[in-house]
Amino acid sequence: MRKIILFSILALFSPIVLAAPVTQIHPSIALLKISAQKRAESSDEVYLAIAEFHSGSKGKYYTVPPYPIHWSSKMLSKIQDLKVWDGIISDGEGVELLISLMEHDAPPYNPDDLIGTVKVRLQYRDGQLHQEWSSPSKESEQKSIRQGKAEMAQFSLMSDNANYQLTFELKDPTNGGAN
């Protein structure tokens, strides 16, 4: 009987551990593959210009690879599973990204050319990360590809003189790292 009373008293004063809900997540977006279907020049130099907008805060702008570096279109097959964005999203908040493929030209007389843009909206609600991919570029095509748990967004971005195919994947920590 003493043991039962002793265990009852210990149980009253021992800390109770409850699983707290996840209030923030750390997703990322990877460029799985990029390829030139048609080049504007014999060897384009391309880069990604990324504008990032979080709910209720100032936007950020950066390039991948970092300025002044760019990729030769002849070397694009070497780019695989490259992280182009990562961030923290709190529950009830979201982020919008504009990812533009740019063709680098020699400044100041020849500005860089926009090949196309991908728009992605991420919203974290009730423990789930929601994604919406689209392209505001009028000359683009989009399709979704599913491999196991992973869902990828593939875009053909086209300008007057160039056509590039890009495949992205959202790395979703609420879904075991893939979406």
N, C-alpha and C. Protein backbone atom coordinates (compact mmCIF):
# COMPACT_ATOMS: atom_id res chain seq x y z
N MET A 1 0.81 -1.18 0.00
CA MET A 1 0.00 0.00 0.00
C MET A 1 0.86 1.26 0.00
N ARG A 2 1.97 1.20 0.76
CA ARG A 2 2.87 2.36 0.81
C ARG A 2 3.45 2.66 -0.57
N LYS A 3 3.73 1.60 -1.32
CA LYS A 3 4.30 1.81 -2.67
C LYS A 3 3.29 2.52 -3.57
N ILE A 4 2.03 2.16 -3.46
CA ILE A 4 1.00 2.78 -4.29
C ILE A 4 0.87 4.26 -3.94
N ILE A 5 0.88 4.59 -2.66
CA ILE A 5 0.78 5.98 -2.22
C ILE A 5 2.01 6.76 -2.69
N LEU A 6 3.18 6.16 -2.54
CA LEU A 6 4.42 6.82 -2.95
C LEU A 6 4.40 7.10 -4.45
N PHE A 7 4.00 6.12 -5.27
CA PHE A 7 3.93 6.32 -6.71
C PHE A 7 2.88 7.36 -7.08
N SER A 8 1.77 7.41 -6.35
CA SER A 8 0.73 8.41 -6.60
C SER A 8 1.25 9.81 -6.32
N ILE A 9 2.00 9.98 -5.23
CA ILE A 9 2.57 11.28 -4.89
C ILE A 9 3.61 11.69 -5.94
N LEU A 10 4.46 10.77 -6.35
CA LEU A 10 5.47 11.07 -7.38
C LEU A 10 4.80 11.46 -8.70
N ALA A 11 3.73 10.77 -9.03
CA ALA A 11 3.03 11.08 -10.28
C ALA A 11 2.45 12.48 -10.26
N LEU A 12 2.01 12.96 -9.10
CA LEU A 12 1.46 14.30 -9.00
C LEU A 12 2.50 15.39 -9.25
N PHE A 13 3.72 15.15 -8.85
CA PHE A 13 4.75 16.16 -8.95
C PHE A 13 5.70 15.99 -10.14
N SER A 14 5.54 14.93 -10.91
CA SER A 14 6.41 14.74 -12.07
C SER A 14 5.89 15.59 -13.23
N PRO A 15 6.79 16.10 -14.06
CA PRO A 15 6.35 16.94 -15.19
C PRO A 15 5.60 16.11 -16.22
N ILE A 16 4.58 16.73 -16.76
CA ILE A 16 3.80 16.09 -17.81
C ILE A 16 4.31 16.61 -19.14
N VAL A 17 4.68 15.69 -20.02
CA VAL A 17 5.22 16.07 -21.32
C VAL A 17 4.13 15.91 -22.37
N LEU A 18 3.80 17.02 -22.99
CA LEU A 18 2.81 17.02 -24.06
C LEU A 18 3.49 17.47 -25.35
N ALA A 19 3.10 16.89 -26.44
CA ALA A 19 3.65 17.29 -27.73
C ALA A 19 3.07 18.65 -28.12
N ALA A 20 3.94 19.62 -28.24
CA ALA A 20 3.51 20.96 -28.63
C ALA A 20 3.32 21.01 -30.14
N PRO A 21 2.34 21.74 -30.62
CA PRO A 21 2.16 21.84 -32.07
C PRO A 21 3.34 22.59 -32.70
N VAL A 22 3.67 22.19 -33.92
CA VAL A 22 4.76 22.84 -34.65
C VAL A 22 4.26 24.20 -35.13
N THR A 23 4.93 25.26 -34.71
CA THR A 23 4.48 26.60 -35.08
C THR A 23 5.30 27.21 -36.21
N GLN A 24 6.43 26.58 -36.55
CA GLN A 24 7.25 27.05 -37.66
C GLN A 24 7.81 25.85 -38.40
N ILE A 25 7.99 26.01 -39.70
CA ILE A 25 8.65 24.98 -40.49
C ILE A 25 9.75 25.63 -41.32
N HIS A 26 10.63 24.80 -41.85
CA HIS A 26 11.78 25.28 -42.62
C HIS A 26 11.82 24.56 -43.98
N PRO A 27 10.92 24.93 -44.90
CA PRO A 27 10.93 24.28 -46.22
C PRO A 27 12.02 24.85 -47.12
N SER A 28 12.26 24.16 -48.22
CA SER A 28 13.21 24.65 -49.21
C SER A 28 12.72 24.26 -50.61
N ILE A 29 13.26 24.93 -51.59
CA ILE A 29 12.96 24.63 -52.99
C ILE A 29 14.28 24.33 -53.69
N ALA A 30 14.27 23.22 -54.42
CA ALA A 30 15.46 22.82 -55.17
C ALA A 30 15.18 22.87 -56.66
N LEU A 31 16.15 23.34 -57.41
CA LEU A 31 16.13 23.24 -58.87
C LEU A 31 16.73 21.88 -59.19
N LEU A 32 15.88 20.93 -59.56
CA LEU A 32 16.36 19.58 -59.82
C LEU A 32 17.10 19.48 -61.13
N LYS A 33 16.62 20.25 -62.12
CA LYS A 33 17.19 20.13 -63.46
C LYS A 33 16.86 21.38 -64.26
N ILE A 34 17.80 21.78 -65.11
CA ILE A 34 17.57 22.87 -66.05
C ILE A 34 18.24 22.48 -67.37
N SER A 35 17.53 22.71 -68.47
CA SER A 35 18.12 22.37 -69.76
C SER A 35 17.66 23.39 -70.80
N ALA A 36 18.53 23.62 -71.77
CA ALA A 36 18.23 24.54 -72.87
C ALA A 36 17.64 23.74 -74.02
N GLN A 37 16.41 24.05 -74.39
CA GLN A 37 15.78 23.43 -75.55
C GLN A 37 16.16 24.23 -76.80
N LYS A 38 16.27 25.55 -76.61
CA LYS A 38 16.69 26.47 -77.69
C LYS A 38 17.39 27.64 -77.03
N ARG A 39 18.58 27.97 -77.51
CA ARG A 39 19.36 29.08 -76.95
C ARG A 39 19.12 30.36 -77.74
N ALA A 40 19.22 31.50 -77.04
CA ALA A 40 19.12 32.80 -77.71
C ALA A 40 20.39 33.08 -78.49
N GLU A 41 21.51 32.63 -77.96
CA GLU A 41 22.82 32.82 -78.59
C GLU A 41 23.50 31.46 -78.65
N SER A 42 24.69 31.41 -79.23
CA SER A 42 25.38 30.11 -79.33
C SER A 42 25.63 29.50 -77.96
N SER A 43 25.89 30.35 -76.99
CA SER A 43 26.03 29.88 -75.60
C SER A 43 25.48 30.98 -74.69
N ASP A 44 24.25 30.81 -74.25
CA ASP A 44 23.66 31.77 -73.32
C ASP A 44 24.35 31.68 -71.97
N GLU A 45 24.35 32.79 -71.27
CA GLU A 45 24.76 32.82 -69.87
C GLU A 45 23.50 33.14 -69.08
N VAL A 46 23.06 32.23 -68.21
CA VAL A 46 21.78 32.39 -67.52
C VAL A 46 21.96 32.38 -66.01
N TYR A 47 20.96 32.93 -65.33
CA TYR A 47 20.92 32.91 -63.87
C TYR A 47 19.46 33.05 -63.44
N LEU A 48 19.20 32.78 -62.17
CA LEU A 48 17.87 32.94 -61.60
C LEU A 48 17.84 34.21 -60.77
N ALA A 49 16.86 35.07 -61.02
CA ALA A 49 16.62 36.26 -60.19
C ALA A 49 15.40 35.92 -59.33
N ILE A 50 15.55 36.00 -58.02
CA ILE A 50 14.50 35.56 -57.11
C ILE A 50 14.04 36.73 -56.24
N ALA A 51 12.74 36.98 -56.29
CA ALA A 51 12.11 37.98 -55.41
C ALA A 51 11.26 37.20 -54.41
N GLU A 52 11.46 37.49 -53.12
CA GLU A 52 10.81 36.76 -52.03
C GLU A 52 9.97 37.73 -51.21
N PHE A 53 8.70 37.40 -51.03
CA PHE A 53 7.78 38.25 -50.27
C PHE A 53 7.12 37.43 -49.17
N HIS A 54 7.35 37.83 -47.92
CA HIS A 54 6.72 37.19 -46.76
C HIS A 54 5.52 38.01 -46.32
N SER A 55 4.55 37.35 -45.71
CA SER A 55 3.38 38.03 -45.18
C SER A 55 3.82 39.12 -44.21
N GLY A 56 3.44 40.35 -44.49
CA GLY A 56 3.68 41.45 -43.56
C GLY A 56 5.12 41.90 -43.40
N SER A 57 6.01 41.60 -44.34
CA SER A 57 7.38 42.10 -44.21
C SER A 57 7.91 42.54 -45.59
N LYS A 58 9.04 43.21 -45.56
CA LYS A 58 9.65 43.70 -46.80
C LYS A 58 10.15 42.53 -47.64
N GLY A 59 10.17 42.73 -48.93
CA GLY A 59 10.65 41.70 -49.84
C GLY A 59 12.16 41.65 -49.90
N LYS A 60 12.67 40.55 -50.42
CA LYS A 60 14.11 40.37 -50.64
C LYS A 60 14.33 40.01 -52.10
N TYR A 61 15.50 40.36 -52.61
CA TYR A 61 15.86 40.04 -53.98
C TYR A 61 17.28 39.50 -53.99
N TYR A 62 17.50 38.41 -54.70
CA TYR A 62 18.85 37.87 -54.83
C TYR A 62 18.92 37.04 -56.11
N THR A 63 20.12 36.65 -56.48
CA THR A 63 20.31 35.84 -57.68
C THR A 63 20.99 34.52 -57.32
N VAL A 64 20.70 33.51 -58.12
CA VAL A 64 21.35 32.20 -58.01
C VAL A 64 21.83 31.85 -59.40
N PRO A 65 23.13 31.66 -59.59
CA PRO A 65 24.19 31.85 -58.61
C PRO A 65 24.34 33.33 -58.25
N PRO A 66 25.05 33.61 -57.15
CA PRO A 66 25.19 35.01 -56.72
C PRO A 66 25.88 35.88 -57.78
N TYR A 67 25.38 37.13 -57.91
CA TYR A 67 25.97 38.09 -58.83
C TYR A 67 27.45 38.26 -58.52
N PRO A 68 28.32 38.34 -59.47
CA PRO A 68 28.18 38.46 -60.92
C PRO A 68 28.30 37.13 -61.66
N ILE A 69 28.20 36.01 -60.97
CA ILE A 69 28.35 34.70 -61.59
C ILE A 69 27.08 34.33 -62.35
N HIS A 70 27.23 33.58 -63.43
CA HIS A 70 26.10 33.05 -64.18
C HIS A 70 26.50 31.67 -64.72
N TRP A 71 25.52 30.94 -65.27
CA TRP A 71 25.78 29.60 -65.80
C TRP A 71 25.83 29.64 -67.32
N SER A 72 26.79 28.95 -67.90
CA SER A 72 26.82 28.79 -69.35
C SER A 72 25.76 27.75 -69.72
N SER A 73 24.99 28.03 -70.76
CA SER A 73 23.93 27.09 -71.15
C SER A 73 24.50 25.75 -71.61
N LYS A 74 25.76 25.71 -71.95
CA LYS A 74 26.39 24.45 -72.35
C LYS A 74 26.73 23.57 -71.15
N MET A 75 26.69 24.14 -69.95
CA MET A 75 27.07 23.40 -68.73
C MET A 75 25.86 23.09 -67.83
N LEU A 76 24.66 23.35 -68.28
CA LEU A 76 23.48 23.22 -67.42
C LEU A 76 23.21 21.79 -66.96
N SER A 77 23.66 20.80 -67.71
CA SER A 77 23.41 19.41 -67.33
C SER A 77 24.09 19.05 -66.00
N LYS A 78 25.06 19.85 -65.59
CA LYS A 78 25.76 19.60 -64.31
C LYS A 78 24.98 20.13 -63.11
N ILE A 79 23.95 20.93 -63.35
CA ILE A 79 23.16 21.50 -62.25
C ILE A 79 22.06 20.51 -61.91
N GLN A 80 22.14 19.95 -60.70
CA GLN A 80 21.17 18.97 -60.25
C GLN A 80 20.91 19.17 -58.76
N ASP A 81 19.65 19.18 -58.38
CA ASP A 81 19.23 19.26 -56.99
C ASP A 81 19.92 20.42 -56.25
N LEU A 82 19.85 21.60 -56.85
CA LEU A 82 20.47 22.80 -56.30
C LEU A 82 19.45 23.59 -55.48
N LYS A 83 19.73 23.82 -54.20
CA LYS A 83 18.82 24.60 -53.37
C LYS A 83 18.84 26.04 -53.84
N VAL A 84 17.65 26.55 -54.23
CA VAL A 84 17.55 27.93 -54.70
C VAL A 84 16.83 28.81 -53.68
N TRP A 85 16.14 28.19 -52.72
CA TRP A 85 15.46 28.96 -51.67
C TRP A 85 15.26 28.08 -50.45
N ASP A 86 15.38 28.69 -49.29
CA ASP A 86 14.92 28.07 -48.05
C ASP A 86 14.52 29.19 -47.11
N GLY A 87 13.62 28.88 -46.21
CA GLY A 87 13.13 29.90 -45.31
C GLY A 87 12.32 29.30 -44.18
N ILE A 88 11.90 30.16 -43.29
CA ILE A 88 11.07 29.75 -42.16
C ILE A 88 9.68 30.35 -42.37
N ILE A 89 8.67 29.50 -42.23
CA ILE A 89 7.28 29.94 -42.35
C ILE A 89 6.57 29.57 -41.06
N SER A 90 5.95 30.56 -40.44
CA SER A 90 5.18 30.33 -39.21
C SER A 90 3.77 29.91 -39.56
N ASP A 91 3.12 29.22 -38.62
CA ASP A 91 1.74 28.78 -38.83
C ASP A 91 0.85 29.99 -39.11
N GLY A 92 0.05 29.89 -40.15
CA GLY A 92 -0.84 30.98 -40.53
C GLY A 92 -0.21 31.99 -41.47
N GLU A 93 1.05 31.81 -41.80
CA GLU A 93 1.74 32.75 -42.68
C GLU A 93 2.10 32.09 -44.00
N GLY A 94 2.59 32.90 -44.90
CA GLY A 94 2.96 32.39 -46.21
C GLY A 94 4.11 33.16 -46.80
N VAL A 95 4.58 32.68 -47.92
CA VAL A 95 5.64 33.33 -48.68
C VAL A 95 5.30 33.18 -50.16
N GLU A 96 5.64 34.21 -50.92
CA GLU A 96 5.46 34.16 -52.37
C GLU A 96 6.82 34.42 -53.01
N LEU A 97 7.16 33.59 -53.97
CA LEU A 97 8.44 33.71 -54.67
C LEU A 97 8.19 33.91 -56.16
N LEU A 98 8.94 34.82 -56.75
CA LEU A 98 8.99 34.98 -58.19
C LEU A 98 10.39 34.58 -58.61
N ILE A 99 10.49 33.49 -59.36
CA ILE A 99 11.78 32.96 -59.79
C ILE A 99 11.87 33.19 -61.29
N SER A 100 12.73 34.10 -61.69
CA SER A 100 12.85 34.48 -63.10
C SER A 100 14.15 33.96 -63.68
N LEU A 101 14.05 33.33 -64.84
CA LEU A 101 15.24 32.89 -65.57
C LEU A 101 15.67 34.04 -66.46
N MET A 102 16.89 34.48 -66.26
CA MET A 102 17.42 35.63 -66.99
C MET A 102 18.59 35.19 -67.88
N GLU A 103 18.71 35.84 -69.03
CA GLU A 103 19.85 35.63 -69.92
C GLU A 103 20.76 36.84 -69.79
N HIS A 104 21.99 36.62 -69.33
CA HIS A 104 22.94 37.70 -69.05
C HIS A 104 23.51 38.25 -70.35
N ASP A 105 23.53 39.58 -70.43
CA ASP A 105 24.15 40.27 -71.56
C ASP A 105 25.15 41.28 -71.01
N ALA A 106 25.90 41.88 -71.91
CA ALA A 106 26.95 42.81 -71.50
C ALA A 106 26.35 44.19 -71.19
N PRO A 107 26.40 44.62 -69.92
CA PRO A 107 25.91 45.96 -69.59
C PRO A 107 26.90 47.01 -70.08
N PRO A 108 26.59 48.24 -70.18
CA PRO A 108 25.33 48.89 -69.86
C PRO A 108 24.40 49.01 -71.06
N TYR A 109 24.89 48.71 -72.26
CA TYR A 109 24.10 48.98 -73.46
C TYR A 109 23.15 47.84 -73.84
N ASN A 110 23.38 46.68 -73.28
CA ASN A 110 22.57 45.52 -73.62
C ASN A 110 22.06 44.89 -72.32
N PRO A 111 20.89 45.27 -71.84
CA PRO A 111 20.41 44.76 -70.56
C PRO A 111 20.09 43.27 -70.64
N ASP A 112 20.06 42.62 -69.47
CA ASP A 112 19.74 41.20 -69.40
C ASP A 112 18.31 40.96 -69.90
N ASP A 113 18.11 39.79 -70.50
CA ASP A 113 16.80 39.44 -71.07
C ASP A 113 16.06 38.48 -70.15
N LEU A 114 14.77 38.71 -69.98
CA LEU A 114 13.91 37.82 -69.23
C LEU A 114 13.46 36.70 -70.16
N ILE A 115 13.74 35.45 -69.76
CA ILE A 115 13.28 34.30 -70.53
C ILE A 115 11.89 33.88 -70.04
N GLY A 116 11.69 33.88 -68.73
CA GLY A 116 10.39 33.52 -68.18
C GLY A 116 10.42 33.52 -66.66
N THR A 117 9.23 33.45 -66.05
CA THR A 117 9.10 33.56 -64.60
C THR A 117 8.21 32.44 -64.07
N VAL A 118 8.58 31.92 -62.92
CA VAL A 118 7.80 30.94 -62.18
C VAL A 118 7.36 31.61 -60.88
N LYS A 119 6.09 31.43 -60.54
CA LYS A 119 5.57 31.98 -59.29
C LYS A 119 5.16 30.82 -58.40
N VAL A 120 5.60 30.87 -57.13
CA VAL A 120 5.20 29.83 -56.18
C VAL A 120 4.71 30.51 -54.90
N ARG A 121 3.55 30.04 -54.44
CA ARG A 121 2.99 30.51 -53.17
C ARG A 121 3.00 29.36 -52.20
N LEU A 122 3.56 29.61 -51.02
CA LEU A 122 3.59 28.61 -49.95
C LEU A 122 2.81 29.16 -48.78
N GLN A 123 1.94 28.36 -48.22
CA GLN A 123 1.11 28.76 -47.08
C GLN A 123 1.15 27.63 -46.06
N TYR A 124 1.49 27.96 -44.80
CA TYR A 124 1.53 26.96 -43.74
C TYR A 124 0.33 27.18 -42.83
N ARG A 125 -0.61 26.21 -42.85
CA ARG A 125 -1.84 26.29 -42.05
C ARG A 125 -2.12 24.94 -41.41
N ASP A 126 -2.43 24.98 -40.13
CA ASP A 126 -2.89 23.78 -39.41
C ASP A 126 -1.96 22.58 -39.61
N GLY A 127 -0.66 22.83 -39.56
CA GLY A 127 0.30 21.75 -39.67
C GLY A 127 0.55 21.23 -41.07
N GLN A 128 0.01 21.89 -42.08
CA GLN A 128 0.20 21.47 -43.47
C GLN A 128 0.78 22.61 -44.29
N LEU A 129 1.73 22.27 -45.15
CA LEU A 129 2.29 23.24 -46.08
C LEU A 129 1.57 23.11 -47.41
N HIS A 130 0.94 24.18 -47.84
CA HIS A 130 0.20 24.20 -49.11
C HIS A 130 1.05 24.94 -50.14
N GLN A 131 1.06 24.42 -51.37
CA GLN A 131 1.86 25.02 -52.43
C GLN A 131 1.00 25.27 -53.66
N GLU A 132 1.34 26.34 -54.35
CA GLU A 132 0.65 26.68 -55.60
C GLU A 132 1.70 27.22 -56.57
N TRP A 133 1.90 26.50 -57.66
CA TRP A 133 2.88 26.88 -58.68
C TRP A 133 2.14 27.43 -59.90
N SER A 134 2.71 28.44 -60.54
CA SER A 134 2.14 28.98 -61.77
C SER A 134 3.23 29.75 -62.50
N SER A 135 2.89 30.20 -63.68
CA SER A 135 3.81 31.04 -64.43
C SER A 135 3.05 32.22 -65.02
N PRO A 136 3.43 33.44 -64.60
CA PRO A 136 2.79 34.61 -65.19
C PRO A 136 3.28 34.90 -66.60
N SER A 137 4.31 34.17 -67.05
CA SER A 137 4.82 34.36 -68.41
C SER A 137 3.82 33.83 -69.41
N LYS A 138 3.50 34.62 -70.41
CA LYS A 138 2.49 34.19 -71.38
C LYS A 138 2.98 33.04 -72.25
N GLU A 139 4.27 32.96 -72.47
CA GLU A 139 4.83 31.90 -73.31
C GLU A 139 5.49 30.83 -72.44
N SER A 140 4.70 30.17 -71.61
CA SER A 140 5.28 29.12 -70.78
C SER A 140 4.30 27.96 -70.66
N GLU A 141 4.84 26.81 -70.34
CA GLU A 141 4.03 25.62 -70.11
C GLU A 141 4.42 25.04 -68.75
N GLN A 142 3.43 24.45 -68.07
CA GLN A 142 3.68 23.89 -66.74
C GLN A 142 3.05 22.51 -66.65
N LYS A 143 3.74 21.60 -65.94
CA LYS A 143 3.13 20.33 -65.61
C LYS A 143 3.69 19.83 -64.29
N SER A 144 2.90 19.00 -63.62
CA SER A 144 3.32 18.41 -62.35
C SER A 144 3.75 16.97 -62.61
N ILE A 145 4.80 16.56 -61.91
CA ILE A 145 5.33 15.21 -62.02
C ILE A 145 5.38 14.63 -60.62
N ARG A 146 4.92 13.41 -60.44
CA ARG A 146 4.94 12.77 -59.13
C ARG A 146 5.82 11.53 -59.19
N GLN A 147 6.76 11.44 -58.21
CA GLN A 147 7.60 10.26 -58.05
C GLN A 147 7.56 9.89 -56.58
N GLY A 148 6.84 8.83 -56.24
CA GLY A 148 6.70 8.45 -54.83
C GLY A 148 6.02 9.56 -54.07
N LYS A 149 6.65 10.03 -52.97
CA LYS A 149 6.10 11.13 -52.18
C LYS A 149 6.40 12.49 -52.81
N ALA A 150 7.39 12.53 -53.67
CA ALA A 150 7.84 13.81 -54.23
C ALA A 150 6.94 14.26 -55.36
N GLU A 151 6.57 15.54 -55.31
CA GLU A 151 5.84 16.16 -56.40
C GLU A 151 6.69 17.30 -56.94
N MET A 152 6.94 17.25 -58.22
CA MET A 152 7.79 18.25 -58.84
C MET A 152 6.98 19.12 -59.79
N ALA A 153 7.41 20.35 -59.95
CA ALA A 153 6.78 21.28 -60.89
C ALA A 153 7.78 21.52 -62.02
N GLN A 154 7.32 21.27 -63.24
CA GLN A 154 8.19 21.43 -64.40
C GLN A 154 7.64 22.55 -65.28
N PHE A 155 8.53 23.43 -65.72
CA PHE A 155 8.14 24.58 -66.53
C PHE A 155 9.00 24.64 -67.78
N SER A 156 8.36 24.97 -68.89
CA SER A 156 9.07 25.35 -70.11
C SER A 156 8.91 26.85 -70.22
N LEU A 157 10.01 27.56 -70.04
CA LEU A 157 10.00 29.02 -70.10
C LEU A 157 10.53 29.44 -71.46
N MET A 158 9.77 30.29 -72.14
CA MET A 158 10.12 30.66 -73.51
C MET A 158 10.10 32.17 -73.69
N SER A 159 11.08 32.64 -74.42
CA SER A 159 11.08 34.03 -74.87
C SER A 159 11.10 33.98 -76.40
N ASP A 160 11.28 35.12 -77.03
CA ASP A 160 11.31 35.15 -78.49
C ASP A 160 12.42 34.27 -79.07
N ASN A 161 13.55 34.21 -78.36
CA ASN A 161 14.71 33.53 -78.92
C ASN A 161 15.18 32.32 -78.12
N ALA A 162 14.57 32.02 -76.98
CA ALA A 162 15.09 30.94 -76.14
C ALA A 162 13.96 30.11 -75.54
N ASN A 163 14.29 28.87 -75.19
CA ASN A 163 13.35 27.96 -74.56
C ASN A 163 14.15 27.10 -73.58
N TYR A 164 13.79 27.18 -72.31
CA TYR A 164 14.48 26.43 -71.27
C TYR A 164 13.47 25.63 -70.47
N GLN A 165 13.87 24.45 -70.04
CA GLN A 165 13.01 23.61 -69.20
C GLN A 165 13.63 23.53 -67.81
N LEU A 166 12.81 23.84 -66.78
CA LEU A 166 13.26 23.82 -65.39
C LEU A 166 12.33 22.92 -64.59
N THR A 167 12.92 22.12 -63.70
CA THR A 167 12.16 21.25 -62.82
C THR A 167 12.52 21.59 -61.38
N PHE A 168 11.48 21.92 -60.58
CA PHE A 168 11.65 22.30 -59.18
C PHE A 168 10.99 21.27 -58.28
N GLU A 169 11.49 21.19 -57.04
CA GLU A 169 10.85 20.36 -56.03
C GLU A 169 10.80 21.13 -54.71
N LEU A 170 9.64 21.10 -54.08
CA LEU A 170 9.49 21.67 -52.75
C LEU A 170 9.88 20.60 -51.75
N LYS A 171 10.84 20.89 -50.90
CA LYS A 171 11.24 19.98 -49.82
C LYS A 171 10.41 20.39 -48.61
N ASP A 172 9.41 19.58 -48.30
CA ASP A 172 8.40 19.89 -47.30
C ASP A 172 8.67 19.10 -46.02
N PRO A 173 9.11 19.77 -44.93
CA PRO A 173 9.41 19.05 -43.69
C PRO A 173 8.15 18.47 -43.02
N THR A 174 6.95 18.90 -43.39
CA THR A 174 5.74 18.34 -42.81
C THR A 174 5.35 17.04 -43.49
N ASN A 175 6.07 16.70 -44.57
CA ASN A 175 5.75 15.50 -45.34
C ASN A 175 6.99 14.64 -45.53
N GLY A 176 7.82 14.55 -44.52
CA GLY A 176 9.01 13.72 -44.60
C GLY A 176 10.08 14.23 -45.54
N GLY A 177 10.12 15.54 -45.81
CA GLY A 177 11.16 16.14 -46.64
C GLY A 177 10.76 16.33 -48.08
N ALA A 178 9.77 15.62 -48.56
CA ALA A 178 9.30 15.80 -49.93
C ALA A 178 7.84 16.20 -49.88
N ASN A 179 7.32 16.59 -51.00
CA ASN A 179 5.89 16.90 -51.03
C ASN A 179 5.15 16.02 -51.97
